[in-house]
Each structure stands twice: as structure tokens, then as C-alpha cells.
Protein backbone atom coordinates (compact mmCIF):
# COMPACT_ATOMS: atom_id res chain seq x y z
CA MET A 1 -81.83 101.02 59.89
CA ARG A 2 -83.30 101.53 63.33
CA LYS A 3 -81.65 99.86 66.30
CA LEU A 4 -83.75 97.25 68.12
CA TYR A 5 -83.65 95.84 71.65
CA PHE A 6 -85.12 92.92 73.64
CA GLU A 7 -86.71 93.47 77.04
CA ALA A 8 -85.17 90.24 78.40
CA GLU A 9 -82.71 87.60 77.20
CA ASP A 10 -85.59 85.19 76.52
CA SER A 11 -87.89 87.73 74.79
CA GLU A 12 -89.06 86.92 71.28
CA ILE A 13 -89.96 90.42 70.12
CA CYS A 14 -87.60 93.39 69.91
CA TYR A 15 -88.49 97.07 69.97
CA THR A 16 -86.92 100.49 69.43
CA GLU A 17 -85.37 102.60 72.19
CA ASP A 18 -88.39 104.93 72.09
CA TYR A 19 -90.69 102.04 72.95
CA PHE A 20 -88.78 101.34 76.17
CA LEU A 21 -88.41 105.01 77.11
CA ASN A 22 -92.19 105.37 76.84
CA GLU A 23 -92.59 102.49 79.33
CA ILE A 24 -90.68 104.21 82.18
CA GLU A 25 -91.08 107.41 84.18
CA PRO A 26 -88.65 110.37 84.01
CA GLY A 27 -85.52 109.65 86.05
CA GLU A 28 -85.96 105.87 85.81
CA GLU A 29 -83.63 103.43 84.07
CA ILE A 30 -84.32 100.21 82.20
CA GLU A 31 -81.91 97.46 81.22
CA VAL A 32 -82.51 95.82 77.84
CA TYR A 33 -80.55 93.65 75.40
CA GLU A 34 -79.29 94.82 72.05
CA ALA A 35 -80.85 92.87 69.16
CA ILE A 36 -78.24 91.26 66.94
CA LYS A 37 -79.38 90.34 63.43
CA TYR A 38 -78.70 86.77 62.37
CA LYS A 39 -76.14 86.50 59.58
CA PRO A 40 -77.62 85.06 56.36
CA GLU A 41 -75.71 81.80 56.85
CA ASP A 42 -77.13 81.43 60.40
CA ARG A 43 -80.79 81.92 59.45
CA ILE A 44 -83.20 79.06 59.88
CA PRO A 45 -84.42 77.85 56.47
CA GLY A 46 -88.17 78.22 55.96
CA VAL A 47 -88.69 80.49 58.99
CA PHE A 48 -89.88 84.08 58.63
CA TRP A 49 -91.08 86.97 60.79
CA CYS A 50 -94.44 88.67 60.18
CA GLN A 51 -94.02 92.37 60.99
CA VAL A 52 -97.78 92.93 61.33
CA HIS A 53 -98.73 90.02 63.59
CA GLU A 54 -95.33 89.85 65.35
CA PHE A 55 -94.82 86.10 65.12
CA CYS A 56 -92.42 83.62 63.57
CA GLY A 57 -93.99 81.64 60.80
CA ASP A 58 -93.10 78.58 58.80
CA ASN A 59 -93.12 78.79 55.00
CA THR A 60 -94.73 75.34 54.83
CA ALA A 61 -97.81 76.50 56.78
CA ASP A 62 -100.72 78.44 55.34
CA SER A 63 -100.14 81.48 57.56
CA CYS A 64 -100.06 84.07 54.75
CA GLY A 65 -102.03 84.88 51.64
CA LYS A 66 -105.79 84.75 51.25
CA GLN A 67 -106.50 83.99 54.93
CA CYS A 68 -104.63 87.09 56.21
CA LYS A 69 -106.47 90.42 56.02
CA GLU A 70 -103.16 92.33 56.14
CA TYR A 71 -101.60 90.40 53.24
CA GLU A 72 -100.11 92.83 50.70
CA PRO A 73 -98.01 91.36 47.88
CA ARG A 74 -94.71 93.20 47.41
CA ASN A 75 -95.23 93.41 43.66
CA GLY A 76 -98.86 94.52 44.03
CA VAL A 77 -100.21 91.37 42.33
CA SER A 78 -99.24 88.13 44.10
CA GLY A 79 -96.41 86.38 45.89
CA CYS A 80 -94.45 87.28 48.99
CA CYS A 81 -96.16 89.69 51.42
CA ARG A 82 -94.53 93.03 52.14
CA HIS A 83 -94.73 92.23 55.89
CA HIS A 84 -92.74 88.98 55.48
CA THR A 85 -89.05 89.14 56.44
CA THR A 86 -86.33 86.58 56.98
CA ALA A 87 -84.45 89.00 59.27
CA LEU A 88 -84.37 87.37 62.70
CA TYR A 89 -82.59 88.63 65.83
CA SER A 90 -81.00 87.26 68.98
CA PRO A 91 -80.18 89.10 72.23
CA GLY A 92 -76.72 90.59 72.56
CA GLU A 93 -75.08 92.97 75.04
CA LYS A 94 -77.03 94.44 77.97
CA VAL A 95 -77.78 98.16 77.51
CA THR A 96 -79.19 100.69 79.99
CA PHE A 97 -81.57 103.47 78.96
CA LYS A 98 -82.38 106.36 81.26
CA LYS A 99 -85.33 108.68 80.74
CA GLU A 100 -84.37 112.28 81.47
CA LYS A 101 -86.37 114.27 84.03
């Protein structure tokens, strides 16, 4: 499992360390927040994350399926999309990355 980080405490999308290192110049530092995965009992019922469109969706809305060009059923026939995940994250400890010269 790859480690993820938020750019700010109020960010909604988290990225890998490589993403942030690509955003800075050699010798620079960047402070980010470690992404902490919600425990199953803390997850919000009916809420999911679309890994392709990078947004939180609601299972009661028609945000997946026939209207999404990237929809790919996990079983290859129908049902839940392979890009649908209930894994949600919140910001944790502040971390500093430094890009080597």
C-alpha cells in the first residue's frame, strides 16, 4: 500500500510523496499532512471515492454506471465499478519532504 499525503489540513485529495517532490525544485522543502485512513467503523455510510474523477460520491445519486465513460464493473459484467472505493482519509501528522539537489 502506497503512503498518501494531503497538501493542507483542509485538502480533499491526497497524493503520493513523488507527486509533491515533483512540485518543488531541488533543495526546497514542502510540508504536507500524512493521510490517515478512516477505520471501517468511522466511515460514512453511502459515501464513496471515485479514483478516476477524484471526487466523493453518494451511493444514492446516479454518478456511476451508464453515464460514466470510465465505468468498469469489477466482475467484468455489471455492478460496482473498479474505481469505486469506500476508503476515505483524513489529515494526520505534519511531514516535511526535501528534494535533494
